[in-house]
């Protein structure tokens, strides 16, 4: 009942009462009429907003040195951003690239992928497996935060930045000085000294000085390092990057590898040892040398020998263009890739990327796992750094780093196969290896 109607009703009752009094009647009594009131209208309760779930693949599981630090980053992000859930899954690092490409074909890929910026990953933006992040780096305020060298290593041939560089690396030679001292030898700086070390160890009833994963990618990169030790960076780019295996120093590099193999430098059966097997073998403390990066500094398998390890470079062949033993270093160990599915949740992705690349967050990975950071400013307590990582900060006076990321993605798997075959004792000749290299690059032209 509105106000106007209420007033008219009261007037009508008064008129009737007066009429009854005038006629000698007794006016009827009734309860007072209260003005009607409307109940307050409660504001509509908005429907709860479902959090966005970002699916992520990576290889930093509980056995990895970076697991605890990375887990804390994810957990703290979700606590601060309850509207975003990170659903992460852990896979073997070497399995992720092919698994991702297969998933993209079926439109079932995760939103984010942590993977190395080498090999087939360099073609992911061109092939639609990942999206370019050039604009995102600028728009999200990260343009001045990354090291230029890190961005460079994640830039493909068409100028696409394929991922956010996350994990840099120092991929040096690990020398167990206790093993060297057992035969009265120092860290070798030339191939002649390395062969002399091999002869001394084997004469003492020990195995060859170098263990590596000859059955997979780890050994393939040591294979590449030995070949590149005879080449300039420009020559390495022309051969490993462009397929020109007629370069004299490329030929010399392959010959150097075969010379070392046939001299017994590698442990027996190296062609059948995988990544974990090589770690376990080195962790026994019975092998003089191995080739692992900063990602392995905190690995449990290496813990027994850390106190005896000196980081260095691989010895040089005669007449090498390098003046100091060489090792690989760079920022291609791991980047954060955004897939087409992830691009459809870009606001949630933006929150996660901006959170992760804060100096304090990257500092956790540096302090707790010895990760080489890809950003310019990091919050760390140097007193808590891994001792092997601390060594790498000062070793460039004795050794020199070279870049490992020249190999096109389309030939990476084939080069792994060639390397494994080349490690077999008395196997491929330099001419056969060079022919295999040439064929692999011809196949992608």
Protein backbone atom coordinates (compact mmCIF):
# COMPACT_ATOMS: atom_id res chain seq x y z
CA UNK A 1 0.00 0.00 0.00
CA UNK A 2 1.48 3.36 -0.95
CA UNK A 3 1.42 6.53 1.12
CA UNK A 4 -1.39 8.12 -0.85
CA UNK A 5 -3.66 5.12 -0.39
CA UNK A 6 -2.85 4.93 3.33
CA UNK A 7 -3.97 8.61 3.85
CA UNK A 8 -7.24 8.07 1.98
CA UNK A 9 -8.12 5.02 4.11
CA UNK A 10 -7.57 6.91 7.40
CA UNK A 11 -9.78 9.79 6.19
CA UNK A 12 -12.53 7.35 5.26
CA UNK A 13 -12.49 5.73 8.73
CA UNK A 14 -12.71 9.11 10.47
CA UNK A 15 -15.71 10.11 8.30
CA UNK A 16 -17.57 6.87 9.12
CA UNK A 17 -16.92 7.34 12.85
CA UNK A 18 -18.33 10.87 12.83
CA UNK A 19 -21.37 9.67 10.97
CA UNK A 20 -22.05 6.95 13.53
CA UNK A 21 -21.75 9.41 16.43
CA UNK A 22 -24.15 11.77 14.75
CA UNK A 23 -26.70 8.90 14.49
CA UNK A 24 -26.36 8.04 18.18
CA UNK A 25 -24.39 4.92 17.45
CA UNK A 26 -21.26 3.75 19.11
CA UNK A 27 -18.31 3.93 16.92
CA UNK A 28 -16.64 0.63 16.22
CA UNK A 29 -13.27 0.17 17.82
CA UNK A 30 -10.33 -1.27 15.98
CA UNK A 31 -6.64 -1.66 16.45
CA UNK A 32 -4.60 1.29 15.39
CA UNK A 33 -3.54 1.06 11.81
CA UNK A 34 0.25 1.19 11.44
CA UNK A 35 1.65 2.58 8.28
CA UNK A 36 3.00 -0.23 6.11
CA UNK A 37 6.75 -0.41 5.83
CA UNK A 38 8.84 -2.15 3.16
CA UNK A 39 11.51 -4.65 4.22
CA UNK A 40 15.02 -3.42 3.35
CA UNK A 41 16.27 -4.88 0.11
CA UNK A 42 19.44 -6.90 0.64
CA UNK A 43 22.08 -6.37 -2.09
CA UNK A 44 22.47 -9.39 -4.34
CA UNK A 45 25.36 -11.62 -3.30
CA UNK A 46 27.73 -12.01 -6.24
CA UNK A 47 28.37 -15.55 -7.33
CA UNK A 48 31.75 -16.79 -6.04
CA UNK A 49 34.52 -16.40 -8.59
CA UNK A 50 36.17 -19.69 -9.42
CA UNK A 51 39.97 -19.48 -9.17
CA UNK A 52 41.93 -19.86 -12.38
CA UNK A 53 44.02 -23.03 -12.50
CA UNK A 54 47.37 -22.83 -14.28
CA UNK A 55 48.79 -26.23 -15.18
CA UNK A 56 52.58 -26.45 -15.25
CA UNK A 57 55.16 -29.07 -16.25
CA UNK A 58 58.70 -29.09 -14.89
CA UNK A 59 61.39 -31.50 -13.69
CA UNK A 60 62.15 -30.05 -10.26
CA UNK A 61 60.85 -32.96 -8.22
CA UNK A 62 61.67 -33.89 -4.61
CA UNK A 63 65.04 -35.33 -5.61
CA UNK A 64 66.14 -32.11 -7.29
CA UNK A 65 68.21 -29.50 -5.46
CA UNK A 66 65.78 -26.77 -6.54
CA UNK A 67 62.65 -28.54 -5.32
CA UNK A 68 62.32 -26.91 -1.88
CA UNK A 69 63.02 -23.39 -3.11
CA UNK A 70 60.69 -23.70 -6.10
CA UNK A 71 57.97 -25.28 -3.97
CA UNK A 72 58.14 -22.33 -1.58
CA UNK A 73 57.75 -19.90 -4.49
CA UNK A 74 54.63 -21.72 -5.72
CA UNK A 75 53.08 -22.03 -2.25
CA UNK A 76 53.71 -18.40 -1.33
CA UNK A 77 52.30 -17.26 -4.68
CA UNK A 78 49.05 -19.18 -4.15
CA UNK A 79 48.75 -17.87 -0.59
CA UNK A 80 49.10 -14.30 -1.86
CA UNK A 81 46.86 -14.92 -4.90
CA UNK A 82 43.96 -17.17 -3.86
CA UNK A 83 42.32 -16.57 -7.25
CA UNK A 84 45.07 -18.59 -8.99
CA UNK A 85 45.92 -22.25 -8.42
CA UNK A 86 49.16 -23.75 -9.73
CA UNK A 87 48.72 -27.42 -10.60
CA UNK A 88 52.23 -28.62 -11.32
CA UNK A 89 53.38 -31.99 -12.62
CA UNK A 90 56.93 -33.34 -12.58
CA UNK A 91 58.47 -35.21 -15.53
CA UNK A 92 61.92 -36.31 -16.57
CA UNK A 93 63.56 -33.26 -18.15
CA UNK A 94 64.55 -35.05 -21.33
CA UNK A 95 60.96 -36.28 -21.85
CA UNK A 96 59.26 -32.89 -21.62
CA UNK A 97 59.95 -31.51 -25.14
CA UNK A 98 58.45 -34.43 -27.07
CA UNK A 99 55.64 -34.85 -24.56
CA UNK A 100 54.76 -31.17 -24.94
CA UNK A 101 54.78 -31.24 -28.74
CA UNK A 102 52.46 -34.25 -28.69
CA UNK A 103 50.11 -32.55 -26.22
CA UNK A 104 49.93 -29.36 -28.30
CA UNK A 105 48.87 -31.38 -31.33
CA UNK A 106 45.87 -32.61 -29.33
CA UNK A 107 45.25 -29.16 -27.74
CA UNK A 108 45.86 -30.73 -24.32
CA UNK A 109 49.07 -28.97 -23.39
CA UNK A 110 49.71 -27.41 -19.97
CA UNK A 111 49.60 -23.65 -19.60
CA UNK A 112 53.24 -23.22 -18.55
CA UNK A 113 56.32 -25.36 -19.17
CA UNK A 114 59.75 -25.13 -17.58
CA UNK A 115 62.24 -26.48 -20.10
CA UNK A 116 65.65 -25.78 -21.56
CA UNK A 117 66.04 -23.10 -24.21
CA UNK A 118 68.05 -25.34 -26.49
CA UNK A 119 67.47 -27.88 -29.24
CA UNK A 120 63.92 -28.25 -30.52
CA UNK A 121 62.68 -25.62 -28.05
CA UNK A 122 64.26 -22.93 -30.24
CA UNK A 123 61.58 -23.73 -32.86
CA UNK A 124 58.58 -23.80 -30.52
CA UNK A 125 57.29 -20.30 -31.24
CA UNK A 126 57.69 -20.77 -34.98
CA UNK A 127 55.88 -24.12 -34.74
CA UNK A 128 53.05 -22.91 -32.52
CA UNK A 129 54.11 -24.90 -29.46
CA UNK A 130 54.74 -21.75 -27.41
CA UNK A 131 53.96 -18.06 -27.79
CA UNK A 132 56.43 -15.20 -28.16
CA UNK A 133 56.92 -13.22 -24.93
CA UNK A 134 58.59 -10.13 -26.41
CA UNK A 135 55.65 -7.85 -25.65
CA UNK A 136 54.92 -9.45 -22.28
CA UNK A 137 58.45 -8.79 -21.05
CA UNK A 138 57.99 -5.08 -21.72
CA UNK A 139 54.32 -4.74 -20.74
CA UNK A 140 54.84 -6.57 -17.44
CA UNK A 141 57.70 -4.32 -16.37
CA UNK A 142 60.52 -6.86 -16.83
CA UNK A 143 62.33 -5.21 -19.72
CA UNK A 144 65.20 -3.84 -17.63
CA UNK A 145 65.32 -6.76 -15.23
CA UNK A 146 66.79 -9.56 -17.38
CA UNK A 147 70.44 -9.80 -18.33
CA UNK A 148 70.89 -9.07 -22.03
CA UNK A 149 72.84 -12.30 -22.54
CA UNK A 150 69.93 -14.26 -21.06
CA UNK A 151 67.42 -12.70 -23.45
CA UNK A 152 69.81 -13.27 -26.36
CA UNK A 153 69.97 -17.00 -25.69
CA UNK A 154 66.18 -17.22 -25.74
CA UNK A 155 65.78 -15.32 -29.00
CA UNK A 156 65.13 -17.43 -32.10
CA UNK A 157 66.20 -16.76 -35.68
CA UNK A 158 63.08 -14.65 -36.30
CA UNK A 159 63.61 -12.40 -33.30
CA UNK A 160 61.05 -14.09 -31.04
CA UNK A 161 61.89 -14.31 -27.35
CA UNK A 162 60.63 -17.84 -26.81
CA UNK A 163 60.43 -17.89 -23.00
CA UNK A 164 61.24 -16.03 -19.81
CA UNK A 165 64.87 -17.00 -19.01
CA UNK A 166 64.91 -18.58 -15.56
CA UNK A 167 67.90 -20.80 -14.91
CA UNK A 168 71.40 -19.88 -15.93
CA UNK A 169 74.11 -22.45 -15.60
CA UNK A 170 77.79 -23.09 -15.22
CA UNK A 171 78.51 -26.42 -16.89
CA UNK A 172 82.05 -27.10 -15.84
CA UNK A 173 84.35 -30.08 -15.42
CA UNK A 174 84.36 -31.50 -11.88
CA UNK A 175 87.85 -32.60 -10.80
CA UNK A 176 88.16 -34.94 -7.82
CA UNK A 177 91.55 -33.82 -6.54
CA UNK A 178 91.81 -36.79 -4.17
CA UNK A 179 91.76 -39.17 -7.15
CA UNK A 180 94.33 -37.05 -8.98
CA UNK A 181 96.61 -36.95 -5.93
CA UNK A 182 96.38 -40.73 -5.60
CA UNK A 183 98.48 -41.03 -8.77
CA UNK A 184 100.54 -37.89 -8.21
CA UNK A 185 98.85 -35.81 -10.91
CA UNK A 186 97.56 -32.24 -11.10
CA UNK A 187 94.49 -30.95 -12.93
CA UNK A 188 95.32 -31.40 -16.65
CA UNK A 189 95.29 -28.35 -18.86
CA UNK A 190 96.14 -30.02 -22.19
CA UNK A 191 95.08 -33.21 -23.90
CA UNK A 192 98.59 -34.58 -23.55
CA UNK A 193 98.34 -34.12 -19.78
CA UNK A 194 94.89 -35.74 -19.80
CA UNK A 195 96.21 -38.77 -21.65
CA UNK A 196 99.12 -38.98 -19.19
CA UNK A 197 96.58 -38.94 -16.33
CA UNK A 198 94.65 -41.72 -18.07
CA UNK A 199 97.75 -43.87 -18.33
CA UNK A 200 98.65 -43.30 -14.68
CA UNK A 201 95.18 -44.21 -13.45
CA UNK A 202 94.88 -47.33 -15.55
CA UNK A 203 98.39 -48.43 -14.55
CA UNK A 204 97.21 -48.17 -10.94
CA UNK A 205 94.30 -50.49 -11.66
CA UNK A 206 91.73 -47.68 -11.82
CA UNK A 207 89.25 -46.79 -14.56
CA UNK A 208 89.58 -43.95 -17.06
CA UNK A 209 89.45 -40.43 -15.63
CA UNK A 210 86.18 -39.22 -17.22
CA UNK A 211 82.65 -40.46 -16.53
CA UNK A 212 79.70 -39.03 -18.44
CA UNK A 213 76.28 -40.17 -19.59
CA UNK A 214 77.32 -41.47 -22.99
CA UNK A 215 73.84 -42.93 -23.49
CA UNK A 216 71.97 -39.62 -23.44
CA UNK A 217 72.11 -35.84 -23.79
CA UNK A 218 74.68 -35.33 -21.01
CA UNK A 219 77.37 -37.21 -22.87
CA UNK A 220 76.36 -35.54 -26.12
CA UNK A 221 77.18 -32.14 -24.65
CA UNK A 222 80.58 -33.27 -23.42
CA UNK A 223 81.13 -34.63 -26.94
CA UNK A 224 80.28 -31.18 -28.30
CA UNK A 225 82.50 -29.43 -25.73
CA UNK A 226 85.53 -31.50 -26.72
CA UNK A 227 84.95 -30.74 -30.40
CA UNK A 228 84.44 -27.02 -29.69
CA UNK A 229 87.66 -26.91 -27.68
CA UNK A 230 89.47 -26.94 -31.04
CA UNK A 231 87.26 -24.24 -32.60
CA UNK A 232 86.57 -20.53 -32.31
CA UNK A 233 83.05 -19.45 -31.35
CA UNK A 234 82.48 -18.29 -34.92
CA UNK A 235 83.55 -21.67 -36.28
CA UNK A 236 81.31 -23.46 -33.80
CA UNK A 237 78.40 -21.34 -34.94
CA UNK A 238 79.11 -22.20 -38.57
CA UNK A 239 79.40 -25.96 -37.94
CA UNK A 240 77.06 -26.77 -35.04
CA UNK A 241 74.75 -23.93 -36.02
CA UNK A 242 74.89 -24.12 -39.81
CA UNK A 243 76.15 -27.60 -40.67
CA UNK A 244 79.50 -26.72 -42.24
CA UNK A 245 81.69 -29.67 -41.25
CA UNK A 246 84.45 -28.88 -43.75
CA UNK A 247 85.97 -26.25 -41.46
CA UNK A 248 89.51 -27.45 -40.60
CA UNK A 249 89.12 -26.84 -36.88
CA UNK A 250 85.78 -28.71 -36.89
CA UNK A 251 87.58 -31.69 -38.41
CA UNK A 252 90.33 -31.28 -35.82
CA UNK A 253 87.78 -31.20 -33.01
CA UNK A 254 86.26 -34.51 -34.11
CA UNK A 255 89.72 -36.02 -34.44
CA UNK A 256 90.49 -34.81 -30.91
CA UNK A 257 87.47 -36.63 -29.50
CA UNK A 258 88.40 -39.89 -31.22
CA UNK A 259 92.00 -39.57 -30.01
CA UNK A 260 90.85 -39.22 -26.40
CA UNK A 261 88.32 -42.03 -26.70
CA UNK A 262 90.88 -44.42 -28.13
CA UNK A 263 93.38 -43.45 -25.42
CA UNK A 264 90.94 -44.75 -22.78
CA UNK A 265 90.06 -41.36 -21.32
CA UNK A 266 86.41 -42.35 -20.73
CA UNK A 267 85.42 -44.97 -18.19
CA UNK A 268 84.73 -48.43 -19.55
CA UNK A 269 81.20 -48.86 -20.87
CA UNK A 270 80.57 -45.11 -21.02
CA UNK A 271 78.29 -45.48 -24.06
CA UNK A 272 75.75 -47.32 -21.89
CA UNK A 273 75.72 -44.98 -18.88
CA UNK A 274 72.75 -42.61 -18.44
CA UNK A 275 72.56 -39.33 -16.51
CA UNK A 276 71.71 -40.82 -13.12
CA UNK A 277 74.22 -43.61 -13.60
CA UNK A 278 77.03 -41.14 -14.26
CA UNK A 279 76.14 -39.18 -11.11
CA UNK A 280 76.12 -42.33 -9.02
CA UNK A 281 79.46 -43.43 -10.46
CA UNK A 282 81.13 -40.09 -9.77
CA UNK A 283 79.63 -39.99 -6.29
CA UNK A 284 81.61 -43.11 -5.33
CA UNK A 285 84.74 -40.97 -5.24
CA UNK A 286 86.63 -43.33 -7.55
CA UNK A 287 86.51 -41.29 -10.78
CA UNK A 288 88.61 -38.21 -11.46
CA UNK A 289 86.40 -36.12 -13.76
CA UNK A 290 82.81 -35.57 -14.81
CA UNK A 291 80.78 -32.92 -16.64
CA UNK A 292 77.77 -31.56 -14.74
CA UNK A 293 76.26 -28.13 -14.43
CA UNK A 294 75.21 -25.91 -11.57
CA UNK A 295 71.87 -27.71 -11.45
CA UNK A 296 73.67 -30.71 -9.89
CA UNK A 297 75.53 -28.84 -7.14
CA UNK A 298 73.01 -29.87 -4.52
CA UNK A 299 72.27 -33.37 -5.83
CA UNK A 300 72.43 -36.03 -3.14
CA UNK A 301 74.46 -38.36 -5.37
CA UNK A 302 77.28 -35.79 -5.50
CA UNK A 303 77.31 -34.98 -1.77
CA UNK A 304 80.01 -37.50 -0.77
CA UNK A 305 82.66 -35.91 -3.01
CA UNK A 306 81.90 -32.18 -2.83
CA UNK A 307 84.74 -31.51 -0.38
CA UNK A 308 87.23 -32.99 -2.86
CA UNK A 309 85.95 -31.26 -6.01
CA UNK A 310 87.60 -28.39 -7.85
CA UNK A 311 85.65 -26.85 -10.72
CA UNK A 312 87.46 -26.24 -14.01
CA UNK A 313 87.47 -26.50 -17.78
CA UNK A 314 88.19 -29.28 -20.26
CA UNK A 315 91.85 -29.61 -21.35
CA UNK A 316 92.81 -28.16 -24.73
CA UNK A 317 94.22 -29.85 -27.82
CA UNK A 318 97.49 -28.59 -29.27
CA UNK A 319 97.13 -25.34 -31.24
CA UNK A 320 93.64 -24.64 -29.87
CA UNK A 321 92.37 -21.10 -30.57
CA UNK A 322 91.51 -20.92 -26.86
CA UNK A 323 94.15 -19.98 -24.34
CA UNK A 324 92.51 -21.56 -21.28
CA UNK A 325 90.58 -24.82 -20.71
CA UNK A 326 86.93 -24.41 -21.69
CA UNK A 327 83.52 -25.04 -20.16
CA UNK A 328 79.94 -24.28 -21.14
CA UNK A 329 78.04 -21.44 -19.48
CA UNK A 330 74.93 -19.50 -20.31
CA UNK A 331 71.24 -19.11 -19.47
CA UNK A 332 69.57 -21.77 -21.57
CA UNK A 333 69.19 -24.36 -18.77
CA UNK A 334 65.56 -23.51 -18.16
CA UNK A 335 63.00 -20.93 -19.18
CA UNK A 336 59.28 -20.53 -18.50
CA UNK A 337 57.36 -21.09 -21.74
CA UNK A 338 53.76 -19.97 -22.26
CA UNK A 339 51.74 -22.37 -24.42
CA UNK A 340 48.69 -21.48 -26.55
CA UNK A 341 46.47 -22.71 -23.69
CA UNK A 342 48.36 -20.55 -21.23
CA UNK A 343 47.93 -17.54 -23.49
CA UNK A 344 44.18 -17.83 -22.96
CA UNK A 345 44.71 -17.31 -19.19
CA UNK A 346 47.19 -14.50 -19.63
CA UNK A 347 46.14 -12.38 -16.63
CA UNK A 348 46.80 -15.28 -14.25
CA UNK A 349 50.06 -16.04 -16.07
CA UNK A 350 51.09 -12.40 -15.70
CA UNK A 351 50.60 -12.57 -11.93
CA UNK A 352 52.71 -15.71 -11.67
CA UNK A 353 55.55 -14.43 -13.87
CA UNK A 354 55.78 -11.10 -12.04
CA UNK A 355 55.80 -12.93 -8.70
CA UNK A 356 58.46 -15.46 -9.71
CA UNK A 357 60.95 -12.94 -11.10
CA UNK A 358 61.08 -10.81 -7.98
CA UNK A 359 64.69 -10.60 -6.70
CA UNK A 360 63.72 -12.27 -3.43
CA UNK A 361 62.13 -15.26 -5.20
CA UNK A 362 65.04 -15.82 -7.60
CA UNK A 363 67.34 -15.37 -4.61
CA UNK A 364 65.83 -18.46 -3.00
CA UNK A 365 66.90 -20.57 -5.98
CA UNK A 366 70.38 -19.04 -5.94
CA UNK A 367 70.94 -19.50 -2.19
CA UNK A 368 69.38 -22.92 -1.79
CA UNK A 369 70.33 -24.58 -5.07
CA UNK A 370 73.23 -22.66 -6.62
CA UNK A 371 71.22 -21.49 -9.62
CA UNK A 372 72.87 -18.88 -11.83
CA UNK A 373 70.28 -16.07 -12.01
CA UNK A 374 69.03 -14.57 -15.27
CA UNK A 375 68.13 -11.22 -13.70
CA UNK A 376 70.43 -8.34 -12.84
CA UNK A 377 69.57 -7.90 -9.16
CA UNK A 378 69.11 -10.79 -6.72
CA UNK A 379 68.67 -10.83 -2.95
CA UNK A 380 71.11 -13.42 -1.56
CA UNK A 381 73.25 -14.11 1.46
CA UNK A 382 76.60 -15.06 -0.04
CA UNK A 383 77.65 -16.84 3.13
CA UNK A 384 75.09 -19.60 2.52
CA UNK A 385 75.96 -20.29 -1.13
CA UNK A 386 76.80 -23.82 -2.19
CA UNK A 387 80.62 -24.20 -2.07
CA UNK A 388 80.80 -25.47 -5.66
CA UNK A 389 78.72 -22.54 -6.86
CA UNK A 390 80.97 -20.17 -4.94
CA UNK A 391 83.97 -21.69 -6.75
CA UNK A 392 82.47 -20.90 -10.15
CA UNK A 393 82.23 -17.22 -9.29
CA UNK A 394 86.02 -16.94 -9.26
CA UNK A 395 87.24 -19.53 -11.75
CA UNK A 396 87.33 -17.47 -14.95
CA UNK A 397 90.94 -16.48 -14.26
CA UNK A 398 91.90 -20.08 -15.05
CA UNK A 399 89.26 -21.20 -17.57
CA UNK A 400 87.07 -19.71 -20.30
CA UNK A 401 83.39 -20.29 -21.03
CA UNK A 402 81.91 -20.95 -24.46
CA UNK A 403 78.30 -21.14 -25.62
CA UNK A 404 76.55 -24.47 -26.10
CA UNK A 405 73.30 -23.44 -27.80
CA UNK A 406 74.20 -23.33 -31.49
CA UNK A 407 72.55 -26.64 -32.47
CA UNK A 408 69.20 -26.27 -34.33
CA UNK A 409 66.32 -28.07 -32.69
CA UNK A 410 65.62 -30.17 -35.78
CA UNK A 411 68.95 -32.03 -35.53
CA UNK A 412 69.35 -32.29 -31.76
CA UNK A 413 68.04 -35.83 -31.40
CA UNK A 414 70.15 -37.03 -34.31
CA UNK A 415 73.30 -35.50 -32.79
CA UNK A 416 72.55 -37.30 -29.53
CA UNK A 417 72.47 -40.56 -31.46
CA UNK A 418 75.74 -39.81 -33.24
CA UNK A 419 77.43 -38.94 -29.94
CA UNK A 420 76.34 -42.18 -28.30
CA UNK A 421 77.69 -44.19 -31.23
CA UNK A 422 80.92 -42.18 -31.15
CA UNK A 423 81.55 -43.03 -27.47
CA UNK A 424 81.69 -46.77 -28.22
CA UNK A 425 85.34 -47.93 -28.03
CA UNK A 426 86.92 -48.59 -31.42
CA UNK A 427 83.73 -47.34 -33.03
CA UNK A 428 83.24 -44.53 -35.50
CA UNK A 429 86.22 -42.94 -37.23
CA UNK A 430 86.52 -39.15 -37.54
CA UNK A 431 85.48 -39.46 -41.20
CA UNK A 432 82.36 -41.41 -40.26
CA UNK A 433 81.37 -38.94 -37.55
CA UNK A 434 81.80 -35.99 -39.92
CA UNK A 435 79.77 -37.78 -42.59
CA UNK A 436 76.98 -38.42 -40.07
CA UNK A 437 77.03 -34.78 -39.00
CA UNK A 438 76.83 -33.59 -42.60
CA UNK A 439 73.92 -35.93 -43.37
CA UNK A 440 71.99 -34.78 -40.31
CA UNK A 441 72.16 -31.15 -41.37
CA UNK A 442 71.46 -31.91 -45.02
CA UNK A 443 68.26 -33.65 -43.95
CA UNK A 444 66.79 -30.43 -42.53
CA UNK A 445 67.62 -28.17 -45.47
